[in-house]
PDB file of N, CA and C in Angstrom:
ATOM      1  N   MET A   1       4.673   5.112 -20.670  1.00  0.00           N
ATOM      2  CA  MET A   1       3.904   4.335 -19.708  1.00  0.00           C
ATOM      3  C   MET A   1       2.594   5.067 -19.413  1.00  0.00           C
ATOM      4  N   SER A   2       1.519   4.341 -19.294  1.00  0.00           N
ATOM      5  CA  SER A   2       0.250   4.952 -18.918  1.00  0.00           C
ATOM      6  C   SER A   2      -0.424   4.068 -17.875  1.00  0.00           C
ATOM      7  N   TRP A   3      -0.800   4.687 -16.764  1.00  0.00           N
ATOM      8  CA  TRP A   3      -1.421   3.932 -15.675  1.00  0.00           C
ATOM      9  C   TRP A   3      -2.807   3.485 -16.109  1.00  0.00           C
ATOM     10  N   GLN A   4      -3.001   2.180 -16.178  1.00  0.00           N
ATOM     11  CA  GLN A   4      -4.281   1.580 -16.524  1.00  0.00           C
ATOM     12  C   GLN A   4      -4.841   2.118 -17.839  1.00  0.00           C
ATOM     13  N   GLY A   5      -3.958   2.452 -18.762  1.00  0.00           N
ATOM     14  CA  GLY A   5      -4.375   2.928 -20.079  1.00  0.00           C
ATOM     15  C   GLY A   5      -4.771   4.382 -20.137  1.00  0.00           C
ATOM     16  N   ILE A   6      -4.558   5.126 -19.071  1.00  0.00           N
ATOM     17  CA  ILE A   6      -4.919   6.543 -19.035  1.00  0.00           C
ATOM     18  C   ILE A   6      -3.640   7.346 -19.249  1.00  0.00           C
ATOM     19  N   ILE A   7      -3.515   7.935 -20.394  1.00  0.00           N
ATOM     20  CA  ILE A   7      -2.289   8.635 -20.778  1.00  0.00           C
ATOM     21  C   ILE A   7      -2.185   9.977 -20.067  1.00  0.00           C
ATOM     22  N   GLY A   8      -0.991  10.261 -19.575  1.00  0.00           N
ATOM     23  CA  GLY A   8      -0.702  11.570 -18.995  1.00  0.00           C
ATOM     24  C   GLY A   8      -0.999  11.717 -17.516  1.00  0.00           C
ATOM     25  N   HIS A   9      -1.401  10.649 -16.852  1.00  0.00           N
ATOM     26  CA  HIS A   9      -1.762  10.748 -15.448  1.00  0.00           C
ATOM     27  C   HIS A   9      -0.873   9.886 -14.546  1.00  0.00           C
ATOM     28  N   ASP A  10       0.274   9.486 -15.043  1.00  0.00           N
ATOM     29  CA  ASP A  10       1.155   8.600 -14.278  1.00  0.00           C
ATOM     30  C   ASP A  10       1.631   9.234 -12.972  1.00  0.00           C
ATOM     31  N   GLU A  11       1.951  10.507 -13.009  1.00  0.00           N
ATOM     32  CA  GLU A  11       2.489  11.161 -11.804  1.00  0.00           C
ATOM     33  C   GLU A  11       1.448  11.196 -10.683  1.00  0.00           C
ATOM     34  N   ILE A  12       0.215  11.537 -11.008  1.00  0.00           N
ATOM     35  CA  ILE A  12      -0.823  11.579  -9.970  1.00  0.00           C
ATOM     36  C   ILE A  12      -1.176  10.166  -9.520  1.00  0.00           C
ATOM     37  N   ALA A  13      -1.148   9.201 -10.437  1.00  0.00           N
ATOM     38  CA  ALA A  13      -1.383   7.803 -10.051  1.00  0.00           C
ATOM     39  C   ALA A  13      -0.297   7.336  -9.097  1.00  0.00           C
ATOM     40  N   LEU A  14       0.934   7.734  -9.357  1.00  0.00           N
ATOM     41  CA  LEU A  14       2.051   7.383  -8.486  1.00  0.00           C
ATOM     42  C   LEU A  14       1.863   7.978  -7.095  1.00  0.00           C
ATOM     43  N   GLN A  15       1.393   9.219  -7.026  1.00  0.00           N
ATOM     44  CA  GLN A  15       1.136   9.853  -5.727  1.00  0.00           C
ATOM     45  C   GLN A  15       0.043   9.103  -4.965  1.00  0.00           C
ATOM     46  N   PHE A  16      -1.014   8.707  -5.671  1.00  0.00           N
ATOM     47  CA  PHE A  16      -2.078   7.928  -5.028  1.00  0.00           C
ATOM     48  C   PHE A  16      -1.558   6.562  -4.588  1.00  0.00           C
ATOM     49  N   ALA A  17      -0.755   5.913  -5.415  1.00  0.00           N
ATOM     50  CA  ALA A  17      -0.213   4.590  -5.081  1.00  0.00           C
ATOM     51  C   ALA A  17       0.641   4.668  -3.821  1.00  0.00           C
ATOM     52  N   ARG A  18       1.483   5.675  -3.744  1.00  0.00           N
ATOM     53  CA  ARG A  18       2.363   5.821  -2.576  1.00  0.00           C
ATOM     54  C   ARG A  18       1.568   6.197  -1.325  1.00  0.00           C
ATOM     55  N   ALA A  19       0.570   7.061  -1.466  1.00  0.00           N
ATOM     56  CA  ALA A  19      -0.273   7.414  -0.318  1.00  0.00           C
ATOM     57  C   ALA A  19      -1.052   6.190   0.162  1.00  0.00           C
ATOM     58  N   ASN A  20      -1.547   5.388  -0.774  1.00  0.00           N
ATOM     59  CA  ASN A  20      -2.278   4.171  -0.429  1.00  0.00           C
ATOM     60  C   ASN A  20      -1.365   3.187   0.297  1.00  0.00           C
ATOM     61  N   GLN A  21      -0.156   3.045  -0.192  1.00  0.00           N
ATOM     62  CA  GLN A  21       0.804   2.129   0.424  1.00  0.00           C
ATOM     63  C   GLN A  21       1.121   2.545   1.856  1.00  0.00           C
ATOM     64  N   ARG A  22       1.130   3.836   2.102  1.00  0.00           N
ATOM     65  CA  ARG A  22       1.410   4.354   3.446  1.00  0.00           C
ATOM     66  C   ARG A  22       0.163   4.412   4.328  1.00  0.00           C
ATOM     67  N   GLY A  23      -1.012   4.140   3.732  1.00  0.00           N
ATOM     68  CA  GLY A  23      -2.255   4.248   4.488  1.00  0.00           C
ATOM     69  C   GLY A  23      -2.643   5.687   4.756  1.00  0.00           C
ATOM     70  N   ARG A  24      -2.337   6.586   3.824  1.00  0.00           N
ATOM     71  CA  ARG A  24      -2.542   8.017   4.026  1.00  0.00           C
ATOM     72  C   ARG A  24      -3.482   8.638   2.995  1.00  0.00           C
ATOM     73  N   LEU A  25      -4.483   7.889   2.538  1.00  0.00           N
ATOM     74  CA  LEU A  25      -5.447   8.430   1.570  1.00  0.00           C
ATOM     75  C   LEU A  25      -6.561   9.184   2.277  1.00  0.00           C
ATOM     76  N   GLY A  26      -7.067  10.205   1.620  1.00  0.00           N
ATOM     77  CA  GLY A  26      -8.199  10.946   2.145  1.00  0.00           C
ATOM     78  C   GLY A  26      -9.509  10.212   1.905  1.00  0.00           C
ATOM     79  N   GLY A  27     -10.590  10.753   2.411  1.00  0.00           N
ATOM     80  CA  GLY A  27     -11.901  10.122   2.273  1.00  0.00           C
ATOM     81  C   GLY A  27     -12.648  10.531   1.022  1.00  0.00           C
ATOM     82  N   SER A  28     -12.224  11.628   0.399  1.00  0.00           N
ATOM     83  CA  SER A  28     -12.859  12.069  -0.845  1.00  0.00           C
ATOM     84  C   SER A  28     -11.822  12.836  -1.657  1.00  0.00           C
ATOM     85  N   PHE A  29     -12.080  12.919  -2.957  1.00  0.00           N
ATOM     86  CA  PHE A  29     -11.136  13.579  -3.856  1.00  0.00           C
ATOM     87  C   PHE A  29     -11.907  14.467  -4.807  1.00  0.00           C
ATOM     88  N   LEU A  30     -11.336  15.606  -5.129  1.00  0.00           N
ATOM     89  CA  LEU A  30     -11.934  16.546  -6.071  1.00  0.00           C
ATOM     90  C   LEU A  30     -11.021  16.621  -7.287  1.00  0.00           C
ATOM     91  N   PHE A  31     -11.556  16.304  -8.457  1.00  0.00           N
ATOM     92  CA  PHE A  31     -10.785  16.331  -9.693  1.00  0.00           C
ATOM     93  C   PHE A  31     -11.188  17.571 -10.476  1.00  0.00           C
ATOM     94  N   VAL A  32     -10.239  18.466 -10.674  1.00  0.00           N
ATOM     95  CA  VAL A  32     -10.499  19.737 -11.336  1.00  0.00           C
ATOM     96  C   VAL A  32      -9.487  19.916 -12.463  1.00  0.00           C
ATOM     97  N   GLY A  33      -9.924  20.461 -13.576  1.00  0.00           N
ATOM     98  CA  GLY A  33      -9.000  20.728 -14.678  1.00  0.00           C
ATOM     99  C   GLY A  33      -9.752  20.954 -15.969  1.00  0.00           C
ATOM    100  N   THR A  34      -8.989  21.117 -17.012  1.00  0.00           N
ATOM    101  CA  THR A  34      -9.526  21.371 -18.336  1.00  0.00           C
ATOM    102  C   THR A  34     -10.402  20.203 -18.799  1.00  0.00           C
ATOM    103  N   GLU A  35     -11.460  20.519 -19.505  1.00  0.00           N
ATOM    104  CA  GLU A  35     -12.360  19.489 -20.027  1.00  0.00           C
ATOM    105  C   GLU A  35     -11.625  18.584 -21.016  1.00  0.00           C
ATOM    106  N   GLY A  36     -11.872  17.289 -20.896  1.00  0.00           N
ATOM    107  CA  GLY A  36     -11.331  16.337 -21.856  1.00  0.00           C
ATOM    108  C   GLY A  36      -9.959  15.770 -21.551  1.00  0.00           C
ATOM    109  N   ILE A  37      -9.422  16.023 -20.353  1.00  0.00           N
ATOM    110  CA  ILE A  37      -8.072  15.515 -20.053  1.00  0.00           C
ATOM    111  C   ILE A  37      -8.073  14.157 -19.357  1.00  0.00           C
ATOM    112  N   GLY A  38      -9.252  13.634 -19.034  1.00  0.00           N
ATOM    113  CA  GLY A  38      -9.322  12.296 -18.446  1.00  0.00           C
ATOM    114  C   GLY A  38      -9.598  12.257 -16.960  1.00  0.00           C
ATOM    115  N   LYS A  39     -10.142  13.328 -16.412  1.00  0.00           N
ATOM    116  CA  LYS A  39     -10.428  13.366 -14.972  1.00  0.00           C
ATOM    117  C   LYS A  39     -11.427  12.291 -14.568  1.00  0.00           C
ATOM    118  N   THR A  40     -12.488  12.153 -15.327  1.00  0.00           N
ATOM    119  CA  THR A  40     -13.525  11.173 -15.001  1.00  0.00           C
ATOM    120  C   THR A  40     -12.999   9.759 -15.153  1.00  0.00           C
ATOM    121  N   ALA A  41     -12.315   9.489 -16.240  1.00  0.00           N
ATOM    122  CA  ALA A  41     -11.739   8.152 -16.446  1.00  0.00           C
ATOM    123  C   ALA A  41     -10.772   7.807 -15.326  1.00  0.00           C
ATOM    124  N   PHE A  42      -9.935   8.755 -14.955  1.00  0.00           N
ATOM    125  CA  PHE A  42      -8.977   8.520 -13.874  1.00  0.00           C
ATOM    126  C   PHE A  42      -9.713   8.253 -12.562  1.00  0.00           C
ATOM    127  N   ALA A  43     -10.724   9.052 -12.266  1.00  0.00           N
ATOM    128  CA  ALA A  43     -11.476   8.892 -11.012  1.00  0.00           C
ATOM    129  C   ALA A  43     -12.143   7.523 -10.944  1.00  0.00           C
ATOM    130  N   PHE A  44     -12.713   7.062 -12.051  1.00  0.00           N
ATOM    131  CA  PHE A  44     -13.382   5.764 -12.061  1.00  0.00           C
ATOM    132  C   PHE A  44     -12.386   4.624 -11.858  1.00  0.00           C
ATOM    133  N   VAL A  45     -11.238   4.681 -12.524  1.00  0.00           N
ATOM    134  CA  VAL A  45     -10.234   3.624 -12.360  1.00  0.00           C
ATOM    135  C   VAL A  45      -9.621   3.683 -10.961  1.00  0.00           C
ATOM    136  N   LEU A  46      -9.412   4.885 -10.443  1.00  0.00           N
ATOM    137  CA  LEU A  46      -8.897   5.026  -9.079  1.00  0.00           C
ATOM    138  C   LEU A  46      -9.865   4.398  -8.080  1.00  0.00           C
ATOM    139  N   ALA A  47     -11.148   4.705  -8.215  1.00  0.00           N
ATOM    140  CA  ALA A  47     -12.145   4.133  -7.309  1.00  0.00           C
ATOM    141  C   ALA A  47     -12.181   2.610  -7.429  1.00  0.00           C
ATOM    142  N   LYS A  48     -12.160   2.112  -8.642  1.00  0.00           N
ATOM    143  CA  LYS A  48     -12.162   0.657  -8.847  1.00  0.00           C
ATOM    144  C   LYS A  48     -10.939   0.028  -8.184  1.00  0.00           C
ATOM    145  N   THR A  49      -9.791   0.671  -8.308  1.00  0.00           N
ATOM    146  CA  THR A  49      -8.554   0.178  -7.694  1.00  0.00           C
ATOM    147  C   THR A  49      -8.677   0.163  -6.175  1.00  0.00           C
ATOM    148  N   LEU A  50      -9.194   1.228  -5.610  1.00  0.00           N
ATOM    149  CA  LEU A  50      -9.293   1.326  -4.147  1.00  0.00           C
ATOM    150  C   LEU A  50     -10.329   0.370  -3.564  1.00  0.00           C
ATOM    151  N   PHE A  51     -11.391   0.089  -4.329  1.00  0.00           N
ATOM    152  CA  PHE A  51     -12.422  -0.833  -3.858  1.00  0.00           C
ATOM    153  C   PHE A  51     -12.093  -2.301  -4.114  1.00  0.00           C
ATOM    154  N   CYS A  52     -11.099  -2.571  -4.959  1.00  0.00           N
ATOM    155  CA  CYS A  52     -10.751  -3.942  -5.323  1.00  0.00           C
ATOM    156  C   CYS A  52     -10.451  -4.783  -4.082  1.00  0.00           C
ATOM    157  N   GLN A  53     -11.065  -5.949  -4.019  1.00  0.00           N
ATOM    158  CA  GLN A  53     -10.891  -6.826  -2.863  1.00  0.00           C
ATOM    159  C   GLN A  53      -9.664  -7.718  -2.982  1.00  0.00           C
ATOM    160  N   LYS A  54      -9.094  -7.814  -4.166  1.00  0.00           N
ATOM    161  CA  LYS A  54      -7.944  -8.691  -4.373  1.00  0.00           C
ATOM    162  C   LYS A  54      -6.681  -7.914  -4.727  1.00  0.00           C
ATOM    163  N   GLN A  55      -6.699  -6.621  -4.499  1.00  0.00           N
ATOM    164  CA  GLN A  55      -5.530  -5.814  -4.848  1.00  0.00           C
ATOM    165  C   GLN A  55      -4.299  -6.355  -4.130  1.00  0.00           C
ATOM    166  N   GLN A  56      -3.235  -6.570  -4.881  1.00  0.00           N
ATOM    167  CA  GLN A  56      -2.010  -7.096  -4.300  1.00  0.00           C
ATOM    168  C   GLN A  56      -1.343  -6.052  -3.433  1.00  0.00           C
ATOM    169  N   ASN A  57      -0.774  -6.493  -2.341  1.00  0.00           N
ATOM    170  CA  ASN A  57      -0.022  -5.590  -1.485  1.00  0.00           C
ATOM    171  C   ASN A  57       1.455  -5.717  -1.813  1.00  0.00           C
ATOM    172  N   PRO A  58       2.178  -4.615  -1.778  1.00  0.00           N
ATOM    173  CA  PRO A  58       3.606  -4.706  -2.019  1.00  0.00           C
ATOM    174  C   PRO A  58       4.278  -5.529  -0.927  1.00  0.00           C
ATOM    175  N   PRO A  59       5.462  -6.038  -1.196  1.00  0.00           N
ATOM    176  CA  PRO A  59       6.143  -6.889  -0.220  1.00  0.00           C
ATOM    177  C   PRO A  59       6.257  -6.269   1.167  1.00  0.00           C
ATOM    178  N   SER A  60       6.534  -4.993   1.261  1.00  0.00           N
ATOM    179  CA  SER A  60       6.636  -4.322   2.554  1.00  0.00           C
ATOM    180  C   SER A  60       5.892  -3.008   2.486  1.00  0.00           C
ATOM    181  N   SER A  61       4.881  -2.853   3.313  1.00  0.00           N
ATOM    182  CA  SER A  61       4.112  -1.607   3.289  1.00  0.00           C
ATOM    183  C   SER A  61       4.821  -0.503   4.071  1.00  0.00           C
ATOM    184  N   GLU A  62       5.928  -0.815   4.725  1.00  0.00           N
ATOM    185  CA  GLU A  62       6.671   0.172   5.491  1.00  0.00           C
ATOM    186  C   GLU A  62       7.517   1.075   4.593  1.00  0.00           C
ATOM    187  N   THR A  63       7.963   0.550   3.467  1.00  0.00           N
ATOM    188  CA  THR A  63       8.853   1.320   2.608  1.00  0.00           C
ATOM    189  C   THR A  63       8.210   1.578   1.263  1.00  0.00           C
ATOM    190  N   VAL A  64       8.575   2.678   0.682  1.00  0.00           N
ATOM    191  CA  VAL A  64       8.137   3.022  -0.663  1.00  0.00           C
ATOM    192  C   VAL A  64       9.387   3.046  -1.514  1.00  0.00           C
ATOM    193  N   SER A  65       9.367   2.310  -2.605  1.00  0.00           N
ATOM    194  CA  SER A  65      10.556   2.273  -3.456  1.00  0.00           C
ATOM    195  C   SER A  65      10.663   3.582  -4.231  1.00  0.00           C
ATOM    196  N   PHE A  66      11.789   3.758  -4.852  1.00  0.00           N
ATOM    197  CA  PHE A  66      11.979   4.933  -5.695  1.00  0.00           C
ATOM    198  C   PHE A  66      11.856   4.554  -7.164  1.00  0.00           C
ATOM    199  N   ASP A  67      11.294   3.391  -7.408  1.00  0.00           N
ATOM    200  CA  ASP A  67      11.071   2.904  -8.759  1.00  0.00           C
ATOM    201  C   ASP A  67       9.598   3.114  -9.092  1.00  0.00           C
ATOM    202  N   ARG A  68       9.320   4.008 -10.019  1.00  0.00           N
ATOM    203  CA  ARG A  68       7.936   4.350 -10.369  1.00  0.00           C
ATOM    204  C   ARG A  68       7.138   3.126 -10.806  1.00  0.00           C
ATOM    205  N   ALA A  69       7.738   2.320 -11.672  1.00  0.00           N
ATOM    206  CA  ALA A  69       7.041   1.136 -12.178  1.00  0.00           C
ATOM    207  C   ALA A  69       6.735   0.164 -11.047  1.00  0.00           C
ATOM    208  N   GLU A  70       7.653   0.013 -10.115  1.00  0.00           N
ATOM    209  CA  GLU A  70       7.457  -0.893  -8.982  1.00  0.00           C
ATOM    210  C   GLU A  70       6.330  -0.397  -8.079  1.00  0.00           C
ATOM    211  N   ASP A  71       6.289   0.909  -7.823  1.00  0.00           N
ATOM    212  CA  ASP A  71       5.242   1.469  -6.972  1.00  0.00           C
ATOM    213  C   ASP A  71       3.859   1.352  -7.610  1.00  0.00           C
ATOM    214  N   LEU A  72       3.779   1.454  -8.943  1.00  0.00           N
ATOM    215  CA  LEU A  72       2.489   1.339  -9.624  1.00  0.00           C
ATOM    216  C   LEU A  72       2.096  -0.104  -9.898  1.00  0.00           C
ATOM    217  N   LYS A  73       3.043  -1.006  -9.822  1.00  0.00           N
ATOM    218  CA  LYS A  73       2.809  -2.418 -10.139  1.00  0.00           C
ATOM    219  C   LYS A  73       1.679  -3.016  -9.295  1.00  0.00           C
ATOM    220  N   TYR A  74       1.638  -2.646  -8.046  1.00  0.00           N
ATOM    221  CA  TYR A  74       0.654  -3.219  -7.126  1.00  0.00           C
ATOM    222  C   TYR A  74      -0.618  -2.369  -7.024  1.00  0.00           C
ATOM    223  N   PHE A  75      -0.654  -1.243  -7.704  1.00  0.00           N
ATOM    224  CA  PHE A  75      -1.783  -0.328  -7.599  1.00  0.00           C
ATOM    225  C   PHE A  75      -2.670  -0.485  -8.825  1.00  0.00           C
ATOM    226  N   ALA A  76      -3.387  -1.605  -8.866  1.00  0.00           N
ATOM    227  CA  ALA A  76      -4.244  -1.908 -10.009  1.00  0.00           C
ATOM    228  C   ALA A  76      -5.382  -2.814  -9.565  1.00  0.00           C
ATOM    229  N   PRO A  77      -6.574  -2.634 -10.135  1.00  0.00           N
ATOM    230  CA  PRO A  77      -7.687  -3.525  -9.808  1.00  0.00           C
ATOM    231  C   PRO A  77      -7.515  -4.875 -10.479  1.00  0.00           C
ATOM    232  N   CYS A  78      -8.042  -5.922  -9.846  1.00  0.00           N
ATOM    233  CA  CYS A  78      -7.927  -7.268 -10.435  1.00  0.00           C
ATOM    234  C   CYS A  78      -8.898  -7.438 -11.601  1.00  0.00           C
ATOM    235  N   GLY A  79     -10.049  -6.748 -11.543  1.00  0.00           N
ATOM    236  CA  GLY A  79     -11.046  -6.849 -12.592  1.00  0.00           C
ATOM    237  C   GLY A  79     -11.949  -8.070 -12.480  1.00  0.00           C
ATOM    238  N   GLU A  80     -11.724  -8.914 -11.475  1.00  0.00           N
ATOM    239  CA  GLU A  80     -12.472 -10.162 -11.357  1.00  0.00           C
ATOM    240  C   GLU A  80     -13.282 -10.300 -10.072  1.00  0.00           C
ATOM    241  N   CYS A  81     -12.891  -9.600  -9.015  1.00  0.00           N
ATOM    242  CA  CYS A  81     -13.594  -9.750  -7.734  1.00  0.00           C
ATOM    243  C   CYS A  81     -14.992  -9.127  -7.827  1.00  0.00           C
ATOM    244  N   PRO A  82     -15.886  -9.432  -6.891  1.00  0.00           N
ATOM    245  CA  PRO A  82     -17.238  -8.858  -6.934  1.00  0.00           C
ATOM    246  C   PRO A  82     -17.242  -7.332  -6.978  1.00  0.00           C
ATOM    247  N   SER A  83     -16.333  -6.714  -6.246  1.00  0.00           N
ATOM    248  CA  SER A  83     -16.277  -5.254  -6.236  1.00  0.00           C
ATOM    249  C   SER A  83     -15.903  -4.702  -7.607  1.00  0.00           C
ATOM    250  N   CYS A  84     -14.895  -5.290  -8.241  1.00  0.00           N
ATOM    251  CA  CYS A  84     -14.492  -4.842  -9.586  1.00  0.00           C
ATOM    252  C   CYS A  84     -15.619  -5.038 -10.590  1.00  0.00           C
ATOM    253  N   ARG A  85     -16.332  -6.143 -10.489  1.00  0.00           N
ATOM    254  CA  ARG A  85     -17.418  -6.403 -11.433  1.00  0.00           C
ATOM    255  C   ARG A  85     -18.555  -5.401 -11.285  1.00  0.00           C
ATOM    256  N   GLN A  86     -18.705  -4.813 -10.095  1.00  0.00           N
ATOM    257  CA  GLN A  86     -19.754  -3.815  -9.900  1.00  0.00           C
ATOM    258  C   GLN A  86     -19.401  -2.481 -10.553  1.00  0.00           C
ATOM    259  N   PHE A  87     -18.188  -2.333 -11.027  1.00  0.00           N
ATOM    260  CA  PHE A  87     -17.798  -1.105 -11.712  1.00  0.00           C
ATOM    261  C   PHE A  87     -18.130  -1.126 -13.192  1.00  0.00           C
ATOM    262  N   VAL A  88     -18.812  -2.154 -13.651  1.00  0.00           N
ATOM    263  CA  VAL A  88     -19.294  -2.183 -15.028  1.00  0.00           C
ATOM    264  C   VAL A  88     -20.472  -1.223 -15.116  1.00  0.00           C
ATOM    265  N   CYS A  89     -20.523  -0.457 -16.185  1.00  0.00           N
ATOM    266  CA  CYS A  89     -21.609   0.504 -16.367  1.00  0.00           C
ATOM    267  C   CYS A  89     -22.757  -0.189 -17.095  1.00  0.00           C
ATOM    268  N   PRO A  90     -23.876  -0.459 -16.410  1.00  0.00           N
ATOM    269  CA  PRO A  90     -24.971  -1.218 -17.019  1.00  0.00           C
ATOM    270  C   PRO A  90     -25.827  -0.426 -18.003  1.00  0.00           C
ATOM    271  N   ASP A  91     -25.695   0.894 -17.998  1.00  0.00           N
ATOM    272  CA  ASP A  91     -26.527   1.690 -18.894  1.00  0.00           C
ATOM    273  C   ASP A  91     -25.659   2.670 -19.676  1.00  0.00           C
ATOM    274  N   SER A  92     -26.282   3.532 -20.410  1.00  0.00           N
ATOM    275  CA  SER A  92     -25.551   4.466 -21.271  1.00  0.00           C
ATOM    276  C   SER A  92     -24.976   5.663 -20.504  1.00  0.00           C
ATOM    277  N   SER A  93     -25.242   5.753 -19.199  1.00  0.00           N
ATOM    278  CA  SER A  93     -24.744   6.892 -18.430  1.00  0.00           C
ATOM    279  C   SER A  93     -23.225   6.864 -18.292  1.00  0.00           C
ATOM    280  N   GLY A  94     -22.645   5.672 -18.332  1.00  0.00           N
ATOM    281  CA  GLY A  94     -21.201   5.548 -18.175  1.00  0.00           C
ATOM    282  C   GLY A  94     -20.737   5.647 -16.738  1.00  0.00           C
ATOM    283  N   ILE A  95     -21.673   5.662 -15.803  1.00  0.00           N
ATOM    284  CA  ILE A  95     -21.340   5.789 -14.386  1.00  0.00           C
ATOM    285  C   ILE A  95     -21.423   4.421 -13.724  1.00  0.00           C
ATOM    286  N   PRO A  96     -20.353   4.001 -13.043  1.00  0.00           N
ATOM    287  CA  PRO A  96     -20.361   2.700 -12.370  1.00  0.00           C
ATOM    288  C   PRO A  96     -21.466   2.619 -11.329  1.00  0.00           C
ATOM    289  N   GLN A  97     -21.973   1.407 -11.115  1.00  0.00           N
ATOM    290  CA  GLN A  97     -23.079   1.207 -10.188  1.00  0.00           C
ATOM    291  C   GLN A  97     -22.642   0.560  -8.876  1.00  0.00           C
ATOM    292  N   HIS A  98     -21.406   0.757  -8.473  1.00  0.00           N
ATOM    293  CA  HIS A  98     -20.922   0.205  -7.205  1.00  0.00           C
ATOM    294  C   HIS A  98     -21.673   0.890  -6.061  1.00  0.00           C
ATOM    295  N   PRO A  99     -22.176   0.138  -5.074  1.00  0.00           N
ATOM    296  CA  PRO A  99     -22.994   0.745  -4.018  1.00  0.00           C
ATOM    297  C   PRO A  99     -22.242   1.719  -3.110  1.00  0.00           C
ATOM    298  N   ASP A 100     -20.932   1.656  -3.061  1.00  0.00           N
ATOM    299  CA  ASP A 100     -20.163   2.549  -2.197  1.00  0.00           C
ATOM    300  C   ASP A 100     -19.493   3.691  -2.957  1.00  0.00           C
ATOM    301  N   PHE A 101     -19.763   3.800  -4.233  1.00  0.00           N
ATOM    302  CA  PHE A 101     -19.159   4.832  -5.072  1.00  0.00           C
ATOM    303  C   PHE A 101     -20.188   5.921  -5.340  1.00  0.00           C
ATOM    304  N   TYR A 102     -19.848   7.159  -4.993  1.00  0.00           N
ATOM    305  CA  TYR A 102     -20.743   8.291  -5.216  1.00  0.00           C
ATOM    306  C   TYR A 102     -20.103   9.235  -6.217  1.00  0.00           C
ATOM    307  N   TYR A 103     -20.765   9.429  -7.316  1.00  0.00           N
ATOM    308  CA  TYR A 103     -20.267  10.317  -8.367  1.00  0.00           C
ATOM    309  C   TYR A 103     -21.105  11.584  -8.356  1.00  0.00           C
ATOM    310  N   VAL A 104     -20.451  12.710  -8.120  1.00  0.00           N
ATOM    311  CA  VAL A 104     -21.138  13.996  -8.067  1.00  0.00           C
ATOM    312  C   VAL A 104     -20.467  14.921  -9.068  1.00  0.00           C
ATOM    313  N   CYS A 105     -21.262  15.577  -9.885  1.00  0.00           N
ATOM    314  CA  CYS A 105     -20.700  16.544 -10.829  1.00  0.00           C
ATOM    315  C   CYS A 105     -21.737  17.649 -11.062  1.00  0.00           C
ATOM    316  N   LYS A 106     -21.255  18.742 -11.609  1.00  0.00           N
ATOM    317  CA  LYS A 106     -22.174  19.847 -11.887  1.00  0.00           C
ATOM    318  C   LYS A 106     -22.908  19.590 -13.198  1.00  0.00           C
ATOM    319  N   GLU A 107     -24.043  20.172 -13.330  1.00  0.00           N
ATOM    320  CA  GLU A 107     -24.800  20.088 -14.576  1.00  0.00           C
ATOM    321  C   GLU A 107     -24.028  20.844 -15.661  1.00  0.00           C
ATOM    322  N   PRO A 108     -24.129  20.405 -16.909  1.00  0.00           N
ATOM    323  CA  PRO A 108     -23.357  21.050 -17.991  1.00  0.00           C
ATOM    324  C   PRO A 108     -23.607  22.554 -18.123  1.00  0.00           C
ATOM    325  N   ASP A 109     -24.830  22.995 -17.858  1.00  0.00           N
ATOM    326  CA  ASP A 109     -25.145  24.410 -18.021  1.00  0.00           C
ATOM    327  C   ASP A 109     -24.985  25.213 -16.730  1.00  0.00           C
ATOM    328  N   LYS A 110     -24.435  24.613 -15.686  1.00  0.00           N
ATOM    329  CA  LYS A 110     -24.269  25.274 -14.385  1.00  0.00           C
ATOM    330  C   LYS A 110     -22.794  25.516 -14.103  1.00  0.00           C
ATOM    331  N   THR A 111     -22.539  26.388 -13.148  1.00  0.00           N
ATOM    332  CA  THR A 111     -21.158  26.644 -12.741  1.00  0.00           C
ATOM    333  C   THR A 111     -20.875  26.132 -11.337  1.00  0.00           C
ATOM    334  N   ARG A 112     -21.909  25.644 -10.677  1.00  0.00           N
ATOM    335  CA  ARG A 112     -21.746  25.158  -9.311  1.00  0.00           C
ATOM    336  C   ARG A 112     -22.466  23.822  -9.111  1.00  0.00           C
ATOM    337  N   ILE A 113     -22.039  23.103  -8.086  1.00  0.00           N
ATOM    338  CA  ILE A 113     -22.700  21.853  -7.716  1.00  0.00           C
ATOM    339  C   ILE A 113     -23.691  22.172  -6.603  1.00  0.00           C
ATOM    340  N   PRO A 114     -24.971  21.828  -6.775  1.00  0.00           N
ATOM    341  CA  PRO A 114     -25.957  22.103  -5.730  1.00  0.00           C
ATOM    342  C   PRO A 114     -25.644  21.336  -4.449  1.00  0.00           C
ATOM    343  N   LEU A 115     -25.886  21.931  -3.311  1.00  0.00           N
ATOM    344  CA  LEU A 115     -25.619  21.276  -2.035  1.00  0.00           C
ATOM    345  C   LEU A 115     -26.388  19.976  -1.871  1.00  0.00           C
ATOM    346  N   GLU A 116     -27.545  19.871  -2.501  1.00  0.00           N
ATOM    347  CA  GLU A 116     -28.349  18.656  -2.398  1.00  0.00           C
ATOM    348  C   GLU A 116     -27.607  17.425  -2.927  1.00  0.00           C
ATOM    349  N   LEU A 117     -26.680  17.629  -3.851  1.00  0.00           N
ATOM    350  CA  LEU A 117     -25.927  16.518  -4.424  1.00  0.00           C
ATOM    351  C   LEU A 117     -24.784  16.070  -3.529  1.00  0.00           C
ATOM    352  N   LEU A 118     -24.371  16.913  -2.621  1.00  0.00           N
ATOM    353  CA  LEU A 118     -23.237  16.586  -1.768  1.00  0.00           C
ATOM    354  C   LEU A 118     -23.685  15.852  -0.575  1.00  0.00           C
TER     355      LEU A 118
END
């Protein structure tokens, strides 16, 4: 199983899905790890999912099931609402142009993110 086509990130997607269902998500997230494992792809799909205006709600937001597939079933963007459509990358940068999405990363030749970007 791969959450939204991103292989190897099901466990973290499940944690986000359950936190979202409980209304316990933070305001920002830092993705750190080895280059090439899908951090950026995961972050973009996560943001699209959280911004989706038509995201289905599970039958009861009070309980979290112990079925991984069931918990992830409702944690997906519709791909059709205005918010989802704004996650299309209009240029070669590959960065979504949603007005409420802020993507910050370090320059390839740097080891730190400048404070001006934060």
